[in-house]
């Protein structure tokens, strides 16, 4: 990868990380994430059998995929992010 492409890739990653932080780090974002965790039952295993029903590997794969999306968002929120969208000359720095 050329240095220019690598620099652009790095800037895009920073923009994405910052956007995730702006969207999900406020009170509304936390409310949405809590709702998604409850709706997709993040605290329960994806590969579990329901009582009286045979194990359904397709349903388990769907639950695992739903869980993976939330884990991805949580991972993005754990990364350091620039406080605004201006990657070239950021005005604020937000680091956890």
N, C-alpha and C. Protein backbone atom coordinates (compact mmCIF):
# COMPACT_ATOMS: atom_id res chain seq x y z
N UNK A 1 0.85 -1.17 0.00
CA UNK A 1 0.00 0.00 0.00
C UNK A 1 0.90 1.23 0.00
N UNK A 2 0.56 2.17 -0.84
CA UNK A 2 1.36 3.40 -0.92
C UNK A 2 1.15 4.25 0.34
N UNK A 3 2.11 5.12 0.63
CA UNK A 3 1.96 5.97 1.82
C UNK A 3 0.70 6.84 1.77
N UNK A 4 0.35 7.35 0.58
CA UNK A 4 -0.86 8.17 0.47
C UNK A 4 -2.11 7.36 0.78
N UNK A 5 -2.17 6.15 0.26
CA UNK A 5 -3.34 5.31 0.51
C UNK A 5 -3.40 4.91 1.98
N UNK A 6 -2.26 4.64 2.57
CA UNK A 6 -2.21 4.29 3.99
C UNK A 6 -2.67 5.46 4.86
N UNK A 7 -2.24 6.67 4.50
CA UNK A 7 -2.66 7.85 5.25
C UNK A 7 -4.16 8.08 5.11
N UNK A 8 -4.70 7.91 3.90
CA UNK A 8 -6.14 8.07 3.69
C UNK A 8 -6.93 7.01 4.45
N UNK A 9 -6.42 5.78 4.46
CA UNK A 9 -7.06 4.70 5.21
C UNK A 9 -7.09 5.03 6.70
N UNK A 10 -5.98 5.55 7.21
CA UNK A 10 -5.91 5.92 8.62
C UNK A 10 -6.90 7.04 8.95
N UNK A 11 -7.00 8.02 8.07
CA UNK A 11 -7.96 9.11 8.28
C UNK A 11 -9.39 8.60 8.26
N UNK A 12 -9.69 7.68 7.35
CA UNK A 12 -11.04 7.12 7.29
C UNK A 12 -11.38 6.34 8.56
N UNK A 13 -10.42 5.59 9.07
CA UNK A 13 -10.65 4.86 10.32
C UNK A 13 -10.91 5.83 11.47
N UNK A 14 -10.13 6.91 11.52
CA UNK A 14 -10.33 7.91 12.57
C UNK A 14 -11.70 8.57 12.43
N UNK A 15 -12.10 8.89 11.21
CA UNK A 15 -13.44 9.48 10.99
C UNK A 15 -14.53 8.52 11.46
N UNK A 16 -14.39 7.24 11.12
CA UNK A 16 -15.39 6.24 11.52
C UNK A 16 -15.45 6.11 13.04
N UNK A 17 -14.28 6.01 13.68
CA UNK A 17 -14.26 5.88 15.14
C UNK A 17 -14.90 7.09 15.80
N UNK A 18 -14.62 8.26 15.27
CA UNK A 18 -15.19 9.49 15.81
C UNK A 18 -16.71 9.51 15.60
N UNK A 19 -17.16 9.07 14.45
CA UNK A 19 -18.60 9.04 14.17
C UNK A 19 -19.32 8.08 15.13
N UNK A 20 -18.75 6.91 15.37
CA UNK A 20 -19.36 5.98 16.33
C UNK A 20 -19.47 6.63 17.69
N UNK A 21 -18.42 7.33 18.11
CA UNK A 21 -18.43 7.98 19.42
C UNK A 21 -19.51 9.06 19.48
N UNK A 22 -19.61 9.88 18.41
CA UNK A 22 -20.62 10.94 18.41
C UNK A 22 -22.04 10.36 18.45
N UNK A 23 -22.26 9.27 17.73
CA UNK A 23 -23.61 8.70 17.65
C UNK A 23 -24.00 7.98 18.94
N UNK A 24 -23.10 7.19 19.50
CA UNK A 24 -23.48 6.30 20.59
C UNK A 24 -23.01 6.72 21.98
N UNK A 25 -22.18 7.74 22.10
CA UNK A 25 -21.61 8.05 23.41
C UNK A 25 -22.48 8.97 24.27
N UNK A 26 -23.48 9.62 23.70
CA UNK A 26 -24.37 10.48 24.47
C UNK A 26 -25.47 9.69 25.16
N UNK A 27 -26.35 10.39 25.84
CA UNK A 27 -27.45 9.74 26.56
C UNK A 27 -28.37 8.96 25.62
N UNK A 28 -28.71 9.56 24.46
CA UNK A 28 -29.58 8.86 23.51
C UNK A 28 -28.91 7.61 22.96
N UNK A 29 -27.63 7.72 22.65
CA UNK A 29 -26.89 6.57 22.13
C UNK A 29 -26.82 5.44 23.13
N UNK A 30 -26.60 5.80 24.40
CA UNK A 30 -26.56 4.78 25.45
C UNK A 30 -27.93 4.12 25.63
N UNK A 31 -28.98 4.92 25.50
CA UNK A 31 -30.34 4.38 25.58
C UNK A 31 -30.59 3.38 24.45
N UNK A 32 -30.16 3.74 23.24
CA UNK A 32 -30.33 2.85 22.09
C UNK A 32 -29.52 1.57 22.28
N UNK A 33 -28.28 1.69 22.72
CA UNK A 33 -27.47 0.49 22.94
C UNK A 33 -28.06 -0.41 24.02
N UNK A 34 -28.55 0.17 25.09
CA UNK A 34 -29.19 -0.63 26.14
C UNK A 34 -30.42 -1.35 25.59
N UNK A 35 -31.20 -0.64 24.76
CA UNK A 35 -32.38 -1.25 24.15
C UNK A 35 -31.98 -2.40 23.24
N UNK A 36 -30.94 -2.22 22.44
CA UNK A 36 -30.48 -3.28 21.55
C UNK A 36 -29.95 -4.48 22.34
N UNK A 37 -29.22 -4.21 23.42
CA UNK A 37 -28.72 -5.31 24.26
C UNK A 37 -29.87 -6.13 24.83
N UNK A 38 -30.92 -5.46 25.27
CA UNK A 38 -32.08 -6.17 25.83
C UNK A 38 -32.85 -6.90 24.73
N UNK A 39 -33.08 -6.23 23.61
CA UNK A 39 -33.88 -6.81 22.52
C UNK A 39 -33.20 -8.05 21.95
N UNK A 40 -31.88 -7.98 21.77
CA UNK A 40 -31.16 -9.11 21.20
C UNK A 40 -30.58 -10.03 22.27
N UNK A 41 -30.97 -9.83 23.51
CA UNK A 41 -30.60 -10.70 24.63
C UNK A 41 -29.10 -10.98 24.68
N UNK A 42 -28.34 -9.90 24.81
CA UNK A 42 -26.88 -10.01 24.83
C UNK A 42 -26.36 -10.82 26.01
N UNK A 43 -27.12 -10.88 27.08
CA UNK A 43 -26.66 -11.58 28.28
C UNK A 43 -26.93 -13.08 28.22
N UNK A 44 -27.48 -13.55 27.11
CA UNK A 44 -27.77 -14.98 26.98
C UNK A 44 -26.93 -15.57 25.86
N UNK A 45 -26.58 -16.85 25.97
CA UNK A 45 -25.77 -17.46 24.92
C UNK A 45 -26.53 -17.55 23.60
N UNK A 46 -25.81 -17.39 22.51
CA UNK A 46 -26.43 -17.49 21.19
C UNK A 46 -26.81 -18.93 20.88
N UNK A 47 -26.01 -19.87 21.35
CA UNK A 47 -26.23 -21.27 21.03
C UNK A 47 -26.86 -22.00 22.20
N UNK A 48 -28.15 -21.72 22.41
CA UNK A 48 -28.87 -22.38 23.49
C UNK A 48 -30.12 -23.06 22.92
N UNK A 49 -30.56 -24.07 23.61
CA UNK A 49 -31.72 -24.83 23.19
C UNK A 49 -32.93 -24.36 23.98
N UNK A 50 -34.06 -24.18 23.31
CA UNK A 50 -35.30 -23.84 24.00
C UNK A 50 -35.91 -25.12 24.55
N UNK A 51 -36.56 -25.01 25.70
CA UNK A 51 -37.17 -26.19 26.31
C UNK A 51 -38.23 -26.78 25.39
N UNK A 52 -38.17 -28.07 25.21
CA UNK A 52 -39.17 -28.76 24.41
C UNK A 52 -39.02 -28.57 22.90
N UNK A 53 -37.97 -27.92 22.47
CA UNK A 53 -37.77 -27.70 21.03
C UNK A 53 -36.38 -28.19 20.65
N UNK A 54 -36.24 -28.70 19.45
CA UNK A 54 -34.91 -29.12 19.01
C UNK A 54 -34.01 -27.90 18.78
N UNK A 55 -32.72 -28.12 18.87
CA UNK A 55 -31.75 -27.06 18.64
C UNK A 55 -31.85 -26.61 17.18
N UNK A 56 -31.91 -25.30 16.97
CA UNK A 56 -32.01 -24.74 15.63
C UNK A 56 -30.71 -23.99 15.31
N UNK A 57 -29.82 -24.58 14.50
CA UNK A 57 -28.54 -23.93 14.22
C UNK A 57 -28.69 -22.62 13.43
N UNK A 58 -29.73 -22.50 12.62
CA UNK A 58 -29.94 -21.26 11.86
C UNK A 58 -30.30 -20.12 12.81
N UNK A 59 -31.22 -20.38 13.72
CA UNK A 59 -31.61 -19.36 14.70
C UNK A 59 -30.41 -18.99 15.58
N UNK A 60 -29.59 -19.97 15.93
CA UNK A 60 -28.40 -19.70 16.74
C UNK A 60 -27.42 -18.82 15.97
N UNK A 61 -27.24 -19.08 14.69
CA UNK A 61 -26.34 -18.27 13.88
C UNK A 61 -26.86 -16.83 13.76
N UNK A 62 -28.15 -16.67 13.63
CA UNK A 62 -28.74 -15.33 13.57
C UNK A 62 -28.49 -14.59 14.88
N UNK A 63 -28.73 -15.26 16.01
CA UNK A 63 -28.48 -14.63 17.32
C UNK A 63 -27.02 -14.26 17.49
N UNK A 64 -26.13 -15.13 17.02
CA UNK A 64 -24.70 -14.84 17.11
C UNK A 64 -24.33 -13.64 16.25
N UNK A 65 -24.94 -13.51 15.08
CA UNK A 65 -24.70 -12.35 14.22
C UNK A 65 -25.19 -11.06 14.85
N UNK A 66 -26.36 -11.11 15.48
CA UNK A 66 -26.88 -9.93 16.17
C UNK A 66 -25.94 -9.51 17.29
N UNK A 67 -25.45 -10.48 18.01
CA UNK A 67 -24.53 -10.21 19.11
C UNK A 67 -23.24 -9.60 18.58
N UNK A 68 -22.76 -10.11 17.45
CA UNK A 68 -21.52 -9.61 16.86
C UNK A 68 -21.61 -8.13 16.48
N UNK A 69 -22.77 -7.70 15.98
CA UNK A 69 -22.94 -6.28 15.64
C UNK A 69 -22.80 -5.41 16.88
N UNK A 70 -23.42 -5.80 17.97
CA UNK A 70 -23.32 -5.02 19.20
C UNK A 70 -21.90 -5.04 19.77
N UNK A 71 -21.23 -6.17 19.68
CA UNK A 71 -19.85 -6.24 20.14
C UNK A 71 -18.95 -5.34 19.29
N UNK A 72 -19.23 -5.25 18.00
CA UNK A 72 -18.46 -4.38 17.10
C UNK A 72 -18.64 -2.91 17.51
N UNK A 73 -19.88 -2.51 17.77
CA UNK A 73 -20.14 -1.13 18.19
C UNK A 73 -19.44 -0.84 19.51
N UNK A 74 -19.53 -1.77 20.46
CA UNK A 74 -18.86 -1.58 21.75
C UNK A 74 -17.35 -1.47 21.58
N UNK A 75 -16.80 -2.26 20.66
CA UNK A 75 -15.36 -2.18 20.38
C UNK A 75 -15.00 -0.80 19.82
N UNK A 76 -15.79 -0.30 18.88
CA UNK A 76 -15.54 1.02 18.30
C UNK A 76 -15.57 2.10 19.38
N UNK A 77 -16.49 1.96 20.33
CA UNK A 77 -16.60 2.95 21.41
C UNK A 77 -15.43 2.88 22.39
N UNK A 78 -14.73 1.76 22.41
CA UNK A 78 -13.58 1.63 23.32
C UNK A 78 -12.30 2.22 22.73
N UNK A 79 -12.31 2.56 21.45
CA UNK A 79 -11.12 3.10 20.80
C UNK A 79 -11.00 4.60 21.05
N UNK A 80 -9.77 5.12 21.09
CA UNK A 80 -9.62 6.57 21.21
C UNK A 80 -10.16 7.24 19.95
N UNK A 81 -10.77 8.40 20.12
CA UNK A 81 -11.37 9.10 18.98
C UNK A 81 -11.09 10.59 19.07
N UNK A 82 -10.97 11.21 17.91
CA UNK A 82 -10.85 12.66 17.84
C UNK A 82 -12.23 13.22 18.13
N UNK A 83 -12.29 14.33 18.84
CA UNK A 83 -13.57 14.87 19.29
C UNK A 83 -14.42 15.50 18.22
N UNK A 84 -13.90 15.74 17.04
CA UNK A 84 -14.71 16.29 15.96
C UNK A 84 -14.35 15.59 14.66
N UNK A 85 -15.04 15.90 13.60
CA UNK A 85 -14.87 15.19 12.34
C UNK A 85 -13.68 15.69 11.54
N UNK A 86 -13.03 16.76 11.97
CA UNK A 86 -11.91 17.32 11.24
C UNK A 86 -10.64 16.55 11.59
N UNK A 87 -10.32 15.56 10.78
CA UNK A 87 -9.17 14.72 11.04
C UNK A 87 -7.87 15.48 10.77
N UNK A 88 -7.91 16.39 9.81
CA UNK A 88 -6.70 17.13 9.43
C UNK A 88 -6.22 18.04 10.57
N UNK A 89 -7.14 18.81 11.15
CA UNK A 89 -6.80 19.73 12.24
C UNK A 89 -7.89 19.68 13.30
N UNK A 90 -7.89 18.64 14.12
CA UNK A 90 -8.94 18.51 15.13
C UNK A 90 -8.91 19.65 16.13
N UNK A 91 -10.08 20.07 16.55
CA UNK A 91 -10.19 21.16 17.50
C UNK A 91 -10.19 20.65 18.94
N UNK A 92 -10.68 19.43 19.12
CA UNK A 92 -10.71 18.83 20.46
C UNK A 92 -10.22 17.41 20.36
N UNK A 93 -9.74 16.90 21.47
CA UNK A 93 -9.24 15.53 21.53
C UNK A 93 -9.99 14.81 22.65
N UNK A 94 -10.62 13.70 22.34
CA UNK A 94 -11.34 12.90 23.32
C UNK A 94 -10.67 11.55 23.36
N UNK A 95 -10.06 11.21 24.47
CA UNK A 95 -9.37 9.94 24.61
C UNK A 95 -9.84 9.29 25.88
N UNK A 96 -10.20 8.01 25.77
CA UNK A 96 -10.60 7.25 26.95
C UNK A 96 -9.45 6.43 27.43
